[in-house]
Amino acid sequence: MSRICDVTGAGPGFGNNVPWSKRKTRRRWNVNLQHKRYYLPSEGRHVRLRVSAKGIKIIDRDGIEAVVRRIRARGVKV
């Protein structure tokens, strides 16, 4: 299962570990994903989303109804 936020679409970043000796090895920076359950009043049910910390802030700002509408417009089943 890939580590991608349902709201923002953010995925892991990739780069190099660079120690003092300058010997580079590949690494990745994972997104801060959380499993959150939100209640949709219009449908009378809960939805479980895999959201990043920034995605949680976007839901707090715009509301869960607007965010779910945007996710469905992208063609993702919620």
PDB file of N, CA and C in Angstrom:
ATOM      1  N   MET A   1       0.842  -1.176   0.000  1.00  0.00           N
ATOM      2  CA  MET A   1       0.000   0.000   0.000  1.00  0.00           C
ATOM      3  C   MET A   1       0.892   1.245   0.000  1.00  0.00           C
ATOM      4  N   SER A   2       0.691   2.126  -0.941  1.00  0.00           N
ATOM      5  CA  SER A   2       1.557   3.287  -1.050  1.00  0.00           C
ATOM      6  C   SER A   2       1.185   4.343  -0.030  1.00  0.00           C
ATOM      7  N   ARG A   3       2.156   5.114   0.374  1.00  0.00           N
ATOM      8  CA  ARG A   3       1.946   6.149   1.385  1.00  0.00           C
ATOM      9  C   ARG A   3       1.582   7.459   0.701  1.00  0.00           C
ATOM     10  N   ILE A   4       0.296   7.599   0.370  1.00  0.00           N
ATOM     11  CA  ILE A   4      -0.188   8.792  -0.318  1.00  0.00           C
ATOM     12  C   ILE A   4      -1.381   9.346   0.447  1.00  0.00           C
ATOM     13  N   CYS A   5      -1.404  10.648   0.631  1.00  0.00           N
ATOM     14  CA  CYS A   5      -2.490  11.319   1.339  1.00  0.00           C
ATOM     15  C   CYS A   5      -3.731  11.355   0.443  1.00  0.00           C
ATOM     16  N   ASP A   6      -4.908  11.038   1.023  1.00  0.00           N
ATOM     17  CA  ASP A   6      -6.156  11.061   0.269  1.00  0.00           C
ATOM     18  C   ASP A   6      -6.587  12.477  -0.090  1.00  0.00           C
ATOM     19  N   VAL A   7      -6.212  13.462   0.709  1.00  0.00           N
ATOM     20  CA  VAL A   7      -6.670  14.839   0.491  1.00  0.00           C
ATOM     21  C   VAL A   7      -5.717  15.598  -0.420  1.00  0.00           C
ATOM     22  N   THR A   8      -4.443  15.634  -0.074  1.00  0.00           N
ATOM     23  CA  THR A   8      -3.491  16.448  -0.825  1.00  0.00           C
ATOM     24  C   THR A   8      -2.808  15.691  -1.956  1.00  0.00           C
ATOM     25  N   GLY A   9      -2.792  14.368  -1.889  1.00  0.00           N
ATOM     26  CA  GLY A   9      -2.097  13.579  -2.900  1.00  0.00           C
ATOM     27  C   GLY A   9      -0.599  13.538  -2.699  1.00  0.00           C
ATOM     28  N   ALA A  10      -0.127  14.000  -1.534  1.00  0.00           N
ATOM     29  CA  ALA A  10       1.303  14.041  -1.260  1.00  0.00           C
ATOM     30  C   ALA A  10       1.838  12.632  -1.039  1.00  0.00           C
ATOM     31  N   GLY A  11       2.994  12.368  -1.614  1.00  0.00           N
ATOM     32  CA  GLY A  11       3.663  11.090  -1.453  1.00  0.00           C
ATOM     33  C   GLY A  11       5.038  11.299  -0.863  1.00  0.00           C
ATOM     34  N   PRO A  12       5.810  10.246  -0.703  1.00  0.00           N
ATOM     35  CA  PRO A  12       7.136  10.391  -0.103  1.00  0.00           C
ATOM     36  C   PRO A  12       8.095  11.141  -1.027  1.00  0.00           C
ATOM     37  N   GLY A  13       9.041  11.839  -0.392  1.00  0.00           N
ATOM     38  CA  GLY A  13      10.109  12.506  -1.124  1.00  0.00           C
ATOM     39  C   GLY A  13      11.341  11.629  -1.104  1.00  0.00           C
ATOM     40  N   PHE A  14      12.188  11.739  -2.114  1.00  0.00           N
ATOM     41  CA  PHE A  14      13.376  10.895  -2.221  1.00  0.00           C
ATOM     42  C   PHE A  14      14.615  11.758  -2.302  1.00  0.00           C
ATOM     43  N   GLY A  15      15.716  11.229  -1.790  1.00  0.00           N
ATOM     44  CA  GLY A  15      16.971  11.956  -1.829  1.00  0.00           C
ATOM     45  C   GLY A  15      18.112  11.074  -1.380  1.00  0.00           C
ATOM     46  N   ASN A  16      19.151  11.705  -0.866  1.00  0.00           N
ATOM     47  CA  ASN A  16      20.349  10.990  -0.436  1.00  0.00           C
ATOM     48  C   ASN A  16      20.662  11.267   1.023  1.00  0.00           C
ATOM     49  N   ASN A  17      21.147  10.242   1.730  1.00  0.00           N
ATOM     50  CA  ASN A  17      21.835  10.454   2.995  1.00  0.00           C
ATOM     51  C   ASN A  17      23.247  10.862   2.642  1.00  0.00           C
ATOM     52  N   VAL A  18      23.728  11.973   3.189  1.00  0.00           N
ATOM     53  CA  VAL A  18      25.088  12.428   2.882  1.00  0.00           C
ATOM     54  C   VAL A  18      25.840  12.603   4.201  1.00  0.00           C
ATOM     55  N   PRO A  19      26.663  11.633   4.584  1.00  0.00           N
ATOM     56  CA  PRO A  19      27.444  11.772   5.815  1.00  0.00           C
ATOM     57  C   PRO A  19      28.699  12.622   5.581  1.00  0.00           C
ATOM     58  N   TRP A  20      29.517  12.713   6.599  1.00  0.00           N
ATOM     59  CA  TRP A  20      30.737  13.515   6.517  1.00  0.00           C
ATOM     60  C   TRP A  20      31.667  13.016   5.412  1.00  0.00           C
ATOM     61  N   SER A  21      31.666  11.693   5.163  1.00  0.00           N
ATOM     62  CA  SER A  21      32.555  11.138   4.139  1.00  0.00           C
ATOM     63  C   SER A  21      32.037  11.372   2.724  1.00  0.00           C
ATOM     64  N   LYS A  22      30.852  11.921   2.585  1.00  0.00           N
ATOM     65  CA  LYS A  22      30.202  12.243   1.296  1.00  0.00           C
ATOM     66  C   LYS A  22      29.809  11.002   0.505  1.00  0.00           C
ATOM     67  N   ARG A  23      29.747   9.834   1.160  1.00  0.00           N
ATOM     68  CA  ARG A  23      29.280   8.615   0.498  1.00  0.00           C
ATOM     69  C   ARG A  23      27.756   8.625   0.527  1.00  0.00           C
ATOM     70  N   LYS A  24      27.128   8.728  -0.628  1.00  0.00           N
ATOM     71  CA  LYS A  24      25.673   8.919  -0.699  1.00  0.00           C
ATOM     72  C   LYS A  24      24.934   7.585  -0.793  1.00  0.00           C
ATOM     73  N   THR A  25      23.871   7.459  -0.002  1.00  0.00           N
ATOM     74  CA  THR A  25      22.967   6.319  -0.092  1.00  0.00           C
ATOM     75  C   THR A  25      21.547   6.872  -0.185  1.00  0.00           C
ATOM     76  N   ARG A  26      20.715   6.178  -0.928  1.00  0.00           N
ATOM     77  CA  ARG A  26      19.350   6.662  -1.167  1.00  0.00           C
ATOM     78  C   ARG A  26      18.501   6.542   0.092  1.00  0.00           C
ATOM     79  N   ARG A  27      17.587   7.486   0.265  1.00  0.00           N
ATOM     80  CA  ARG A  27      16.652   7.441   1.376  1.00  0.00           C
ATOM     81  C   ARG A  27      15.341   8.073   0.944  1.00  0.00           C
ATOM     82  N   ARG A  28      14.329   7.966   1.810  1.00  0.00           N
ATOM     83  CA  ARG A  28      13.047   8.592   1.500  1.00  0.00           C
ATOM     84  C   ARG A  28      12.491   9.261   2.741  1.00  0.00           C
ATOM     85  N   TRP A  29      11.768  10.348   2.511  1.00  0.00           N
ATOM     86  CA  TRP A  29      11.073  11.073   3.562  1.00  0.00           C
ATOM     87  C   TRP A  29       9.601  10.757   3.412  1.00  0.00           C
ATOM     88  N   ASN A  30       9.060   9.997   4.379  1.00  0.00           N
ATOM     89  CA  ASN A  30       7.659   9.620   4.310  1.00  0.00           C
ATOM     90  C   ASN A  30       6.765  10.764   4.764  1.00  0.00           C
ATOM     91  N   VAL A  31       5.555  10.777   4.236  1.00  0.00           N
ATOM     92  CA  VAL A  31       4.559  11.766   4.612  1.00  0.00           C
ATOM     93  C   VAL A  31       4.006  11.379   5.986  1.00  0.00           C
ATOM     94  N   ASN A  32       3.666  12.378   6.784  1.00  0.00           N
ATOM     95  CA  ASN A  32       3.114  12.135   8.127  1.00  0.00           C
ATOM     96  C   ASN A  32       1.644  11.750   7.998  1.00  0.00           C
ATOM     97  N   LEU A  33       1.383  10.460   7.706  1.00  0.00           N
ATOM     98  CA  LEU A  33       0.016   9.994   7.462  1.00  0.00           C
ATOM     99  C   LEU A  33      -0.659   9.540   8.746  1.00  0.00           C
ATOM    100  N   GLN A  34      -1.932   9.863   8.846  1.00  0.00           N
ATOM    101  CA  GLN A  34      -2.770   9.463   9.970  1.00  0.00           C
ATOM    102  C   GLN A  34      -4.039   8.831   9.410  1.00  0.00           C
ATOM    103  N   HIS A  35      -4.568   7.852  10.104  1.00  0.00           N
ATOM    104  CA  HIS A  35      -5.872   7.281   9.755  1.00  0.00           C
ATOM    105  C   HIS A  35      -6.914   8.015  10.572  1.00  0.00           C
ATOM    106  N   LYS A  36      -7.814   8.745   9.913  1.00  0.00           N
ATOM    107  CA  LYS A  36      -8.821   9.527  10.613  1.00  0.00           C
ATOM    108  C   LYS A  36     -10.204   9.112  10.142  1.00  0.00           C
ATOM    109  N   ARG A  37     -11.161   9.154  11.070  1.00  0.00           N
ATOM    110  CA  ARG A  37     -12.551   8.846  10.769  1.00  0.00           C
ATOM    111  C   ARG A  37     -13.356  10.124  10.892  1.00  0.00           C
ATOM    112  N   TYR A  38     -14.071  10.483   9.836  1.00  0.00           N
ATOM    113  CA  TYR A  38     -14.887  11.698   9.824  1.00  0.00           C
ATOM    114  C   TYR A  38     -16.336  11.323   9.577  1.00  0.00           C
ATOM    115  N   TYR A  39     -17.231  12.103  10.163  1.00  0.00           N
ATOM    116  CA  TYR A  39     -18.662  11.874   9.987  1.00  0.00           C
ATOM    117  C   TYR A  39     -19.175  12.775   8.873  1.00  0.00           C
ATOM    118  N   LEU A  40     -19.868  12.176   7.896  1.00  0.00           N
ATOM    119  CA  LEU A  40     -20.501  12.932   6.810  1.00  0.00           C
ATOM    120  C   LEU A  40     -21.983  13.097   7.138  1.00  0.00           C
ATOM    121  N   PRO A  41     -22.409  14.276   7.566  1.00  0.00           N
ATOM    122  CA  PRO A  41     -23.813  14.457   7.937  1.00  0.00           C
ATOM    123  C   PRO A  41     -24.767  14.289   6.759  1.00  0.00           C
ATOM    124  N   SER A  42     -24.330  14.659   5.553  1.00  0.00           N
ATOM    125  CA  SER A  42     -25.222  14.570   4.393  1.00  0.00           C
ATOM    126  C   SER A  42     -25.566  13.120   4.052  1.00  0.00           C
ATOM    127  N   GLU A  43     -24.626  12.184   4.328  1.00  0.00           N
ATOM    128  CA  GLU A  43     -24.861  10.771   4.027  1.00  0.00           C
ATOM    129  C   GLU A  43     -25.204   9.960   5.274  1.00  0.00           C
ATOM    130  N   GLY A  44     -25.045  10.567   6.447  1.00  0.00           N
ATOM    131  CA  GLY A  44     -25.356   9.877   7.687  1.00  0.00           C
ATOM    132  C   GLY A  44     -24.426   8.717   7.986  1.00  0.00           C
ATOM    133  N   ARG A  45     -23.160   8.815   7.612  1.00  0.00           N
ATOM    134  CA  ARG A  45     -22.211   7.741   7.848  1.00  0.00           C
ATOM    135  C   ARG A  45     -20.817   8.303   8.067  1.00  0.00           C
ATOM    136  N   HIS A  46     -19.935   7.445   8.529  1.00  0.00           N
ATOM    137  CA  HIS A  46     -18.537   7.814   8.733  1.00  0.00           C
ATOM    138  C   HIS A  46     -17.713   7.395   7.521  1.00  0.00           C
ATOM    139  N   VAL A  47     -16.646   8.149   7.245  1.00  0.00           N
ATOM    140  CA  VAL A  47     -15.665   7.767   6.223  1.00  0.00           C
ATOM    141  C   VAL A  47     -14.304   7.713   6.899  1.00  0.00           C
ATOM    142  N   ARG A  48     -13.493   6.760   6.477  1.00  0.00           N
ATOM    143  CA  ARG A  48     -12.149   6.610   7.017  1.00  0.00           C
ATOM    144  C   ARG A  48     -11.168   7.057   5.952  1.00  0.00           C
ATOM    145  N   LEU A  49     -10.361   8.066   6.269  1.00  0.00           N
ATOM    146  CA  LEU A  49      -9.414   8.624   5.313  1.00  0.00           C
ATOM    147  C   LEU A  49      -7.998   8.452   5.833  1.00  0.00           C
ATOM    148  N   ARG A  50      -7.080   8.360   4.898  1.00  0.00           N
ATOM    149  CA  ARG A  50      -5.650   8.306   5.200  1.00  0.00           C
ATOM    150  C   ARG A  50      -5.093   9.668   4.824  1.00  0.00           C
ATOM    151  N   VAL A  51      -4.936  10.547   5.810  1.00  0.00           N
ATOM    152  CA  VAL A  51      -4.595  11.946   5.529  1.00  0.00           C
ATOM    153  C   VAL A  51      -3.282  12.318   6.207  1.00  0.00           C
ATOM    154  N   SER A  52      -2.605  13.276   5.598  1.00  0.00           N
ATOM    155  CA  SER A  52      -1.386  13.818   6.181  1.00  0.00           C
ATOM    156  C   SER A  52      -1.766  14.900   7.184  1.00  0.00           C
ATOM    157  N   ALA A  53      -0.782  15.395   7.913  1.00  0.00           N
ATOM    158  CA  ALA A  53      -1.025  16.455   8.883  1.00  0.00           C
ATOM    159  C   ALA A  53      -1.550  17.697   8.175  1.00  0.00           C
ATOM    160  N   LYS A  54      -1.040  17.985   6.993  1.00  0.00           N
ATOM    161  CA  LYS A  54      -1.534  19.128   6.227  1.00  0.00           C
ATOM    162  C   LYS A  54      -2.959  18.869   5.744  1.00  0.00           C
ATOM    163  N   GLY A  55      -3.263  17.623   5.383  1.00  0.00           N
ATOM    164  CA  GLY A  55      -4.619  17.279   4.966  1.00  0.00           C
ATOM    165  C   GLY A  55      -5.630  17.481   6.078  1.00  0.00           C
ATOM    166  N   ILE A  56      -5.234  17.192   7.329  1.00  0.00           N
ATOM    167  CA  ILE A  56      -6.116  17.411   8.466  1.00  0.00           C
ATOM    168  C   ILE A  56      -6.414  18.898   8.618  1.00  0.00           C
ATOM    169  N   LYS A  57      -5.398  19.735   8.425  1.00  0.00           N
ATOM    170  CA  LYS A  57      -5.600  21.184   8.516  1.00  0.00           C
ATOM    171  C   LYS A  57      -6.529  21.681   7.411  1.00  0.00           C
ATOM    172  N   ILE A  58      -6.410  21.097   6.211  1.00  0.00           N
ATOM    173  CA  ILE A  58      -7.289  21.485   5.102  1.00  0.00           C
ATOM    174  C   ILE A  58      -8.726  21.092   5.412  1.00  0.00           C
ATOM    175  N   ILE A  59      -8.942  19.915   6.003  1.00  0.00           N
ATOM    176  CA  ILE A  59     -10.295  19.487   6.373  1.00  0.00           C
ATOM    177  C   ILE A  59     -10.858  20.410   7.449  1.00  0.00           C
ATOM    178  N   ASP A  60     -10.033  20.811   8.414  1.00  0.00           N
ATOM    179  CA  ASP A  60     -10.483  21.735   9.453  1.00  0.00           C
ATOM    180  C   ASP A  60     -10.859  23.088   8.848  1.00  0.00           C
ATOM    181  N   ARG A  61     -10.118  23.521   7.832  1.00  0.00           N
ATOM    182  CA  ARG A  61     -10.365  24.823   7.225  1.00  0.00           C
ATOM    183  C   ARG A  61     -11.588  24.818   6.317  1.00  0.00           C
ATOM    184  N   ASP A  62     -11.692  23.818   5.413  1.00  0.00           N
ATOM    185  CA  ASP A  62     -12.728  23.818   4.385  1.00  0.00           C
ATOM    186  C   ASP A  62     -13.972  23.019   4.765  1.00  0.00           C
ATOM    187  N   GLY A  63     -13.827  22.074   5.682  1.00  0.00           N
ATOM    188  CA  GLY A  63     -14.940  21.211   6.051  1.00  0.00           C
ATOM    189  C   GLY A  63     -14.858  19.884   5.315  1.00  0.00           C
ATOM    190  N   ILE A  64     -15.366  18.852   5.957  1.00  0.00           N
ATOM    191  CA  ILE A  64     -15.252  17.500   5.400  1.00  0.00           C
ATOM    192  C   ILE A  64     -16.106  17.333   4.153  1.00  0.00           C
ATOM    193  N   GLU A  65     -17.256  17.999   4.097  1.00  0.00           N
ATOM    194  CA  GLU A  65     -18.138  17.860   2.927  1.00  0.00           C
ATOM    195  C   GLU A  65     -17.451  18.358   1.655  1.00  0.00           C
ATOM    196  N   ALA A  66     -16.816  19.524   1.741  1.00  0.00           N
ATOM    197  CA  ALA A  66     -16.144  20.103   0.573  1.00  0.00           C
ATOM    198  C   ALA A  66     -14.949  19.254   0.151  1.00  0.00           C
ATOM    199  N   VAL A  67     -14.223  18.733   1.132  1.00  0.00           N
ATOM    200  CA  VAL A  67     -13.040  17.930   0.815  1.00  0.00           C
ATOM    201  C   VAL A  67     -13.443  16.607   0.163  1.00  0.00           C
ATOM    202  N   VAL A  68     -14.502  15.960   0.676  1.00  0.00           N
ATOM    203  CA  VAL A  68     -14.964  14.704   0.076  1.00  0.00           C
ATOM    204  C   VAL A  68     -15.474  14.949  -1.344  1.00  0.00           C
ATOM    205  N   ARG A  69     -16.105  16.090  -1.557  1.00  0.00           N
ATOM    206  CA  ARG A  69     -16.577  16.440  -2.908  1.00  0.00           C
ATOM    207  C   ARG A  69     -15.395  16.555  -3.872  1.00  0.00           C
ATOM    208  N   ARG A  70     -14.290  17.175  -3.405  1.00  0.00           N
ATOM    209  CA  ARG A  70     -13.091  17.305  -4.244  1.00  0.00           C
ATOM    210  C   ARG A  70     -12.443  15.954  -4.518  1.00  0.00           C
ATOM    211  N   ILE A  71     -12.424  15.083  -3.503  1.00  0.00           N
ATOM    212  CA  ILE A  71     -11.829  13.753  -3.684  1.00  0.00           C
ATOM    213  C   ILE A  71     -12.633  12.963  -4.712  1.00  0.00           C
ATOM    214  N   ARG A  72     -13.953  13.037  -4.628  1.00  0.00           N
ATOM    215  CA  ARG A  72     -14.808  12.315  -5.589  1.00  0.00           C
ATOM    216  C   ARG A  72     -14.697  12.909  -6.983  1.00  0.00           C
ATOM    217  N   ALA A  73     -14.456  14.203  -7.100  1.00  0.00           N
ATOM    218  CA  ALA A  73     -14.283  14.820  -8.416  1.00  0.00           C
ATOM    219  C   ALA A  73     -13.026  14.292  -9.111  1.00  0.00           C
ATOM    220  N   ARG A  74     -12.026  13.888  -8.318  1.00  0.00           N
ATOM    221  CA  ARG A  74     -10.813  13.290  -8.894  1.00  0.00           C
ATOM    222  C   ARG A  74     -11.052  11.865  -9.349  1.00  0.00           C
ATOM    223  N   GLY A  75     -12.201  11.278  -8.972  1.00  0.00           N
ATOM    224  CA  GLY A  75     -12.512   9.934  -9.375  1.00  0.00           C
ATOM    225  C   GLY A  75     -12.154   8.862  -8.362  1.00  0.00           C
ATOM    226  N   VAL A  76     -11.868   9.273  -7.127  1.00  0.00           N
ATOM    227  CA  VAL A  76     -11.510   8.330  -6.070  1.00  0.00           C
ATOM    228  C   VAL A  76     -12.776   7.975  -5.295  1.00  0.00           C
ATOM    229  N   LYS A  77     -12.959   6.684  -5.015  1.00  0.00           N
ATOM    230  CA  LYS A  77     -14.121   6.244  -4.267  1.00  0.00           C
ATOM    231  C   LYS A  77     -13.912   6.502  -2.772  1.00  0.00           C
ATOM    232  N   VAL A  78     -14.921   7.118  -2.142  1.00  0.00           N
ATOM    233  CA  VAL A  78     -14.838   7.396  -0.701  1.00  0.00           C
ATOM    234  C   VAL A  78     -15.976   6.695  -0.009  1.00  0.00           C
TER     235      VAL A  78
END
